[in-house]
Amino acid sequence: MPYIKNEITRIDGKPRRKEIDKIVELMINQGVKVNGDLNYLLYKFCKSSIIPSYDNYKNFCGELEMCKLEIYRMLVAPYENLKKDENGDV
């Protein structure tokens, strides 16, 4: 996953990463749920911000796919390994 470096800033000099983290915090505080809410949020973001073209939609879908893979690599696989160690292999 392309991690956002702290030194990458907007034109006005404010760090982008901190701003993005605030959006995530707002989503949590607003009770955004994975079942439905996240799907709606990502769809609306794509529909509202992507200039319509096959290439742009393809790139957006590719970003979602890479995010899925990163979630598996960093969160699911270690959890599966933990449970295998606790309960034994299949």
Protein backbone atom coordinates (compact mmCIF):
# COMPACT_ATOMS: atom_id res chain seq x y z
CA MET A 1 0.00 0.00 0.00
CA PRO A 2 1.41 3.43 -0.83
CA TYR A 3 1.87 4.90 2.59
CA ILE A 4 1.45 8.65 2.90
CA LYS A 5 4.62 10.22 4.23
CA ASN A 6 4.27 12.87 6.92
CA GLU A 7 6.38 15.32 4.95
CA ILE A 8 4.03 15.31 1.95
CA THR A 9 2.03 18.49 2.30
CA ARG A 10 -0.68 20.42 0.59
CA ILE A 11 0.01 23.68 -1.18
CA ASP A 12 -0.72 25.60 2.04
CA GLY A 13 1.93 23.59 3.91
CA LYS A 14 -0.41 21.48 6.06
CA PRO A 15 0.36 17.74 6.21
CA ARG A 16 -2.08 15.69 4.13
CA ARG A 17 -1.72 12.59 6.30
CA LYS A 18 -2.98 14.38 9.40
CA GLU A 19 -5.97 15.69 7.46
CA ILE A 20 -6.78 12.23 6.12
CA ASP A 21 -6.48 10.78 9.64
CA LYS A 22 -9.03 13.40 10.77
CA ILE A 23 -11.44 12.15 8.10
CA VAL A 24 -11.01 8.58 9.39
CA GLU A 25 -11.61 9.78 12.96
CA LEU A 26 -14.74 11.61 11.81
CA MET A 27 -15.99 8.44 10.10
CA ILE A 28 -15.49 6.50 13.33
CA ASN A 29 -17.17 9.20 15.43
CA GLN A 30 -20.11 9.32 13.01
CA GLY A 31 -20.56 5.56 13.35
CA VAL A 32 -19.73 4.64 9.74
CA LYS A 33 -20.24 0.87 9.56
CA VAL A 34 -18.51 -1.59 7.26
CA ASN A 35 -21.81 -3.25 6.36
CA GLY A 36 -23.29 -0.82 3.86
CA ASP A 37 -22.09 2.58 5.04
CA LEU A 38 -18.54 2.10 3.75
CA ASN A 39 -19.82 0.83 0.41
CA TYR A 40 -22.11 3.86 0.09
CA LEU A 41 -19.35 6.26 1.13
CA LEU A 42 -16.83 4.90 -1.39
CA TYR A 43 -19.43 4.81 -4.18
CA LYS A 44 -20.46 8.42 -3.51
CA PHE A 45 -16.81 9.50 -3.36
CA CYS A 46 -16.11 7.82 -6.70
CA LYS A 47 -19.27 9.21 -8.32
CA SER A 48 -18.59 12.72 -7.02
CA SER A 49 -14.86 13.00 -7.58
CA ILE A 50 -13.86 10.82 -10.53
CA ILE A 51 -13.94 12.37 -13.98
CA PRO A 52 -15.94 9.80 -15.97
CA SER A 53 -13.72 7.65 -18.15
CA TYR A 54 -13.01 3.96 -18.30
CA ASP A 55 -9.40 4.56 -17.26
CA ASN A 56 -10.37 6.62 -14.20
CA TYR A 57 -12.96 4.06 -13.07
CA LYS A 58 -10.43 1.27 -13.68
CA ASN A 59 -7.84 3.08 -11.55
CA PHE A 60 -10.36 3.62 -8.74
CA CYS A 61 -11.27 -0.09 -8.78
CA GLY A 62 -7.57 -0.94 -8.76
CA GLU A 63 -7.06 1.20 -5.64
CA LEU A 64 -9.90 -0.64 -3.93
CA GLU A 65 -8.40 -4.00 -4.92
CA MET A 66 -4.99 -3.05 -3.55
CA CYS A 67 -6.62 -1.86 -0.32
CA LYS A 68 -8.36 -5.24 -0.04
CA LEU A 69 -5.05 -7.04 -0.48
CA GLU A 70 -3.34 -4.83 2.11
CA ILE A 71 -6.11 -5.54 4.62
CA TYR A 72 -5.61 -9.25 4.04
CA ARG A 73 -1.82 -9.03 4.26
CA MET A 74 -1.62 -6.82 7.36
CA LEU A 75 -4.76 -7.80 9.31
CA VAL A 76 -6.31 -11.09 8.20
CA ALA A 77 -3.20 -13.23 7.61
CA PRO A 78 -1.63 -12.45 11.02
CA TYR A 79 -4.99 -13.16 12.69
CA GLU A 80 -5.26 -16.49 10.86
CA ASN A 81 -1.72 -17.38 11.96
CA LEU A 82 -2.58 -16.53 15.57
CA LYS A 83 -5.65 -18.74 15.48
CA LYS A 84 -3.69 -21.55 13.84
CA ASP A 85 -1.15 -21.35 16.65
CA GLU A 86 -3.92 -21.34 19.27
CA ASN A 87 -6.10 -24.07 17.77
CA GLY A 88 -3.72 -26.11 15.62
CA ASP A 89 -3.51 -26.41 11.87
CA VAL A 90 -6.37 -27.85 9.83
